[in-house]
Amino acid sequence: VTCFLHSVKVRKYAEIIKSCELEILTLATLSSLKVLLSGVDVAPAGCAFENVNENLKVYLKVQGNLNAEAELEKIRNKLDEIQKRQEKLKKIMNASGYQQKVPSHIQEDNANKLAKLLQDFDFFKKEEERMESEADRQR
């Protein structure tokens, strides 16, 4: 199995991953591992992906044909989930009295959560576009 790791915070996580490459290859029984740098490398075609966290995405090269339609459905479900979480958080943050009644550290936490949700939403929108072109190639 070929694995591609996409690091958002390029230097920090890419260096950690590269320093542990042998261990990752062995424990995950991978045939190869490549670190993709955010803003530099694009996700390879024919890969399924998983969003590990806001800093790390994993792409696995699928043996045989990738079921792009099934992957698209997963992506769209994730987009819906993120959008609902954004709306819920925005509703809380826009409630009357929020600025005055909610402690500043909680307001800061909520602002960080919202920023992460927006980042995740952007990532999944890009993945949706990538997977749609993959699905078009399969048709």
Protein backbone atom coordinates (compact mmCIF):
# COMPACT_ATOMS: atom_id res chain seq x y z
CA VAL A 1 0.00 0.00 0.00
CA THR A 2 1.29 3.42 -0.92
CA CYS A 3 0.60 6.24 1.52
CA PHE A 4 0.86 10.00 1.03
CA LEU A 5 0.79 12.28 4.07
CA HIS A 6 -0.25 15.88 3.46
CA SER A 7 1.09 18.25 6.09
CA VAL A 8 -0.54 21.65 6.53
CA LYS A 9 2.16 23.08 8.80
CA VAL A 10 4.90 22.17 6.39
CA ARG A 11 8.18 22.22 8.28
CA LYS A 12 7.20 21.02 11.72
CA TYR A 13 5.08 18.00 10.81
CA ALA A 14 6.93 17.06 7.64
CA GLU A 15 10.20 16.79 9.57
CA ILE A 16 8.61 14.69 12.32
CA ILE A 17 7.04 12.34 9.78
CA LYS A 18 10.25 11.99 7.79
CA SER A 19 12.25 11.25 10.95
CA CYS A 20 9.84 8.39 11.75
CA GLU A 21 9.41 7.11 8.20
CA LEU A 22 10.80 3.61 8.83
CA GLU A 23 8.59 3.13 11.88
CA ILE A 24 5.50 4.34 10.02
CA LEU A 25 6.24 2.08 7.04
CA THR A 26 6.73 -0.92 9.32
CA LEU A 27 3.79 -0.39 11.67
CA ALA A 28 1.34 0.48 8.90
CA THR A 29 2.74 -2.20 6.55
CA LEU A 30 3.17 0.31 3.75
CA SER A 31 5.19 -0.22 0.60
CA SER A 32 6.04 3.47 0.37
CA LEU A 33 5.43 6.76 2.11
CA LYS A 34 5.65 10.26 0.69
CA VAL A 35 5.12 13.53 2.53
CA LEU A 36 3.16 16.08 0.51
CA LEU A 37 3.69 19.71 1.38
CA SER A 38 0.74 22.06 1.62
CA GLY A 39 0.72 24.62 -1.15
CA VAL A 40 3.45 22.71 -3.02
CA ASP A 41 2.19 19.20 -3.76
CA VAL A 42 -1.24 18.09 -4.93
CA ALA A 43 -3.01 14.93 -3.89
CA PRO A 44 -2.34 12.10 -6.33
CA ALA A 45 -5.15 10.66 -8.45
CA GLY A 46 -6.73 7.36 -7.45
CA CYS A 47 -6.37 7.94 -3.72
CA ALA A 48 -8.86 7.70 -0.92
CA PHE A 49 -8.20 10.09 1.96
CA GLU A 50 -8.75 10.60 5.63
CA ASN A 51 -8.58 13.87 7.53
CA VAL A 52 -6.54 12.99 10.62
CA ASN A 53 -6.66 16.49 12.09
CA GLU A 54 -6.32 20.09 10.97
CA ASN A 55 -2.60 19.56 10.37
CA LEU A 56 -2.47 16.15 8.72
CA LYS A 57 -4.31 14.41 5.89
CA VAL A 58 -3.61 10.85 4.73
CA TYR A 59 -4.04 9.66 1.15
CA LEU A 60 -3.94 5.94 0.40
CA LYS A 61 -3.36 4.73 -3.14
CA VAL A 62 -6.22 2.36 -3.87
CA GLN A 63 -5.38 -0.93 -5.54
CA GLY A 64 -7.80 -1.38 -8.41
CA ASN A 65 -10.40 1.29 -9.03
CA LEU A 66 -11.26 3.98 -6.55
CA ASN A 67 -15.01 4.25 -6.01
CA ALA A 68 -15.17 8.00 -6.54
CA GLU A 69 -18.94 8.14 -6.04
CA ALA A 70 -18.68 6.52 -2.59
CA GLU A 71 -15.82 8.86 -1.66
CA LEU A 72 -17.88 11.84 -2.87
CA GLU A 73 -20.76 10.77 -0.65
CA LYS A 74 -18.43 10.61 2.37
CA ILE A 75 -17.03 14.05 1.55
CA ARG A 76 -20.48 15.58 1.12
CA ASN A 77 -21.64 14.08 4.42
CA LYS A 78 -18.58 15.56 6.12
CA LEU A 79 -19.26 18.96 4.50
CA ASP A 80 -22.85 18.86 5.80
CA GLU A 81 -21.63 17.96 9.28
CA ILE A 82 -19.06 20.78 9.30
CA GLN A 83 -21.62 23.27 8.02
CA LYS A 84 -24.09 22.32 10.78
CA ARG A 85 -21.37 22.69 13.41
CA GLN A 86 -20.41 26.10 11.97
CA GLU A 87 -24.02 27.30 12.03
CA LYS A 88 -24.51 26.10 15.60
CA LEU A 89 -21.32 27.80 16.78
CA LYS A 90 -22.13 31.03 14.89
CA LYS A 91 -25.60 31.06 16.46
CA ILE A 92 -24.04 30.81 19.92
CA MET A 93 -21.45 33.49 19.14
CA ASN A 94 -24.04 35.86 17.65
CA ALA A 95 -26.52 35.50 20.52
CA SER A 96 -27.40 38.69 22.32
CA GLY A 97 -25.24 39.22 25.38
CA TYR A 98 -22.58 36.73 24.24
CA GLN A 99 -19.78 39.33 24.29
CA GLN A 100 -20.74 40.55 27.76
CA LYS A 101 -21.73 37.29 29.49
CA VAL A 102 -19.29 34.70 28.14
CA PRO A 103 -15.76 34.69 29.60
CA SER A 104 -13.08 35.86 27.18
CA HIS A 105 -11.21 32.52 27.21
CA ILE A 106 -14.37 30.72 26.04
CA GLN A 107 -14.93 33.36 23.36
CA GLU A 108 -11.36 32.77 22.21
CA ASP A 109 -11.87 28.99 22.21
CA ASN A 110 -15.03 29.40 20.15
CA ALA A 111 -13.24 31.69 17.68
CA ASN A 112 -10.49 29.06 17.32
CA LYS A 113 -13.07 26.30 16.83
CA LEU A 114 -14.79 28.36 14.14
CA ALA A 115 -11.47 29.02 12.37
CA LYS A 116 -10.70 25.27 12.42
CA LEU A 117 -14.16 24.47 11.05
CA LEU A 118 -13.65 26.97 8.22
CA GLN A 119 -10.24 25.45 7.45
CA ASP A 120 -11.74 21.94 7.42
CA PHE A 121 -14.61 23.10 5.22
CA ASP A 122 -12.17 24.59 2.69
CA PHE A 123 -10.15 21.36 2.68
CA PHE A 124 -13.20 19.18 2.08
CA LYS A 125 -14.47 21.51 -0.68
CA LYS A 126 -11.12 21.07 -2.47
CA GLU A 127 -11.34 17.31 -1.95
CA GLU A 128 -14.88 17.36 -3.34
CA GLU A 129 -13.60 19.07 -6.51
CA ARG A 130 -10.71 16.59 -6.78
CA MET A 131 -13.03 13.62 -6.33
CA GLU A 132 -15.59 15.00 -8.81
CA SER A 133 -12.88 15.13 -11.48
CA GLU A 134 -11.87 11.59 -10.48
CA ALA A 135 -15.52 10.49 -10.87
CA ASP A 136 -15.71 12.20 -14.27
CA ARG A 137 -12.65 10.23 -15.42
CA GLN A 138 -14.32 6.99 -14.30
CA ARG A 139 -17.51 7.67 -16.27
